[in-house]
Protein backbone atom coordinates (compact mmCIF):
# COMPACT_ATOMS: atom_id res chain seq x y z
CA MET A 1 -37.74 -33.73 44.78
CA LEU A 2 -36.04 -30.41 45.63
CA GLU A 3 -37.90 -27.24 46.44
CA THR A 4 -36.91 -24.04 44.84
CA GLY A 5 -33.64 -22.76 46.33
CA GLU A 6 -32.47 -26.17 47.64
CA THR A 7 -29.23 -27.71 46.39
CA SER A 8 -28.53 -31.08 46.19
CA GLN A 9 -25.84 -33.17 47.99
CA THR A 10 -24.18 -33.85 44.69
CA ASP A 11 -24.03 -30.03 43.63
CA ASN A 12 -20.62 -29.68 42.11
CA SER A 13 -20.80 -26.15 41.08
CA ASN A 14 -18.17 -25.05 43.58
CA PRO A 15 -16.02 -28.12 44.41
CA GLU A 16 -13.02 -27.78 46.77
CA PRO A 17 -9.50 -28.29 45.41
CA GLU A 18 -8.33 -31.76 45.29
CA GLY A 19 -5.75 -32.33 47.69
CA ARG A 20 -3.19 -30.24 49.80
CA PRO A 21 0.31 -28.55 49.02
CA CYS A 22 2.90 -31.00 49.28
CA ALA A 23 4.49 -30.81 52.83
CA CYS A 24 8.08 -30.32 51.27
CA GLY A 25 7.07 -26.82 50.58
CA CYS A 26 7.38 -26.70 46.74
CA GLY A 27 3.75 -25.77 46.30
CA THR A 28 2.88 -29.17 44.38
CA ILE A 29 -1.13 -30.12 45.13
CA VAL A 30 -0.97 -33.76 46.42
CA ARG A 31 -3.48 -36.00 47.74
CA ARG A 32 -1.04 -37.28 50.38
CA LYS A 33 1.75 -35.54 52.25
CA PHE A 34 4.40 -35.37 49.57
CA ALA A 35 4.91 -35.62 46.12
CA PRO A 36 6.49 -38.62 44.90
CA GLY A 37 10.46 -38.29 46.30
CA HIS A 38 9.55 -35.04 48.01
CA ASP A 39 9.88 -36.47 51.54
CA GLN A 40 13.58 -36.93 51.17
CA ARG A 41 13.67 -33.26 49.82
CA PHE A 42 11.97 -32.34 53.03
CA VAL A 43 14.54 -34.17 55.01
CA SER A 44 17.40 -32.62 52.97
CA ASN A 45 16.28 -29.22 53.40
CA LEU A 46 15.96 -29.60 57.11
CA ALA A 47 19.44 -31.02 57.41
CA LYS A 48 20.83 -28.31 55.34
CA ALA A 49 18.95 -25.72 57.58
CA VAL A 50 20.50 -27.18 60.56
CA ALA A 51 23.93 -27.62 58.92
CA GLU A 52 24.04 -23.86 57.76
CA GLY A 53 22.78 -22.83 61.33
CA ASN A 54 19.42 -21.58 59.98
CA MET A 55 17.57 -23.75 62.23
CA ASP A 56 18.36 -25.85 65.57
CA ARG A 57 18.54 -29.53 65.66
CA LYS A 58 15.45 -29.55 68.00
CA THR A 59 13.27 -27.63 65.84
CA ALA A 60 14.18 -29.65 62.68
CA LEU A 61 13.34 -32.84 64.51
CA ALA A 62 9.90 -31.27 65.75
CA ALA A 63 9.05 -30.21 62.42
CA ALA A 64 9.64 -33.93 61.15
CA ARG A 65 7.85 -35.48 63.98
CA LYS A 66 4.79 -33.62 63.31
CA LEU A 67 4.66 -35.24 60.02
CA SER A 68 5.48 -38.72 61.01
CA PRO A 69 8.07 -40.80 63.46
CA ALA A 70 9.95 -42.06 60.22
CA LEU A 71 10.47 -38.85 59.02
CA GLU A 72 11.95 -37.85 62.39
CA LYS A 73 14.25 -40.58 62.20
CA LYS A 74 15.36 -39.90 58.57
CA VAL A 75 16.16 -36.35 59.88
CA ARG A 76 17.93 -37.28 63.08
CA SER A 77 20.21 -39.60 60.83
CA ALA A 78 20.71 -36.96 58.28
CA VAL A 79 21.63 -34.46 60.91
CA ASN A 80 23.96 -36.77 62.55
CA HIS A 81 26.04 -37.47 59.44
CA GLN A 82 26.85 -34.05 58.52
């Protein structure tokens, strides 16, 4: 039994937000890294930034690698085909 002033482990009066912002930068709250399809949006945004000269290739690849090796591979392919 709880004494006065104690809270239980299941106290949900101030719950933490469920999830985190999508890694593509759209602001959608997700439980995983991306909202459905937004991993490709992330890849496209990085490839576009490189093509327009707003980001160098090395920085784009590092940003993708931070999330996963598979994304790095997709960014590398997208940047090479522009």
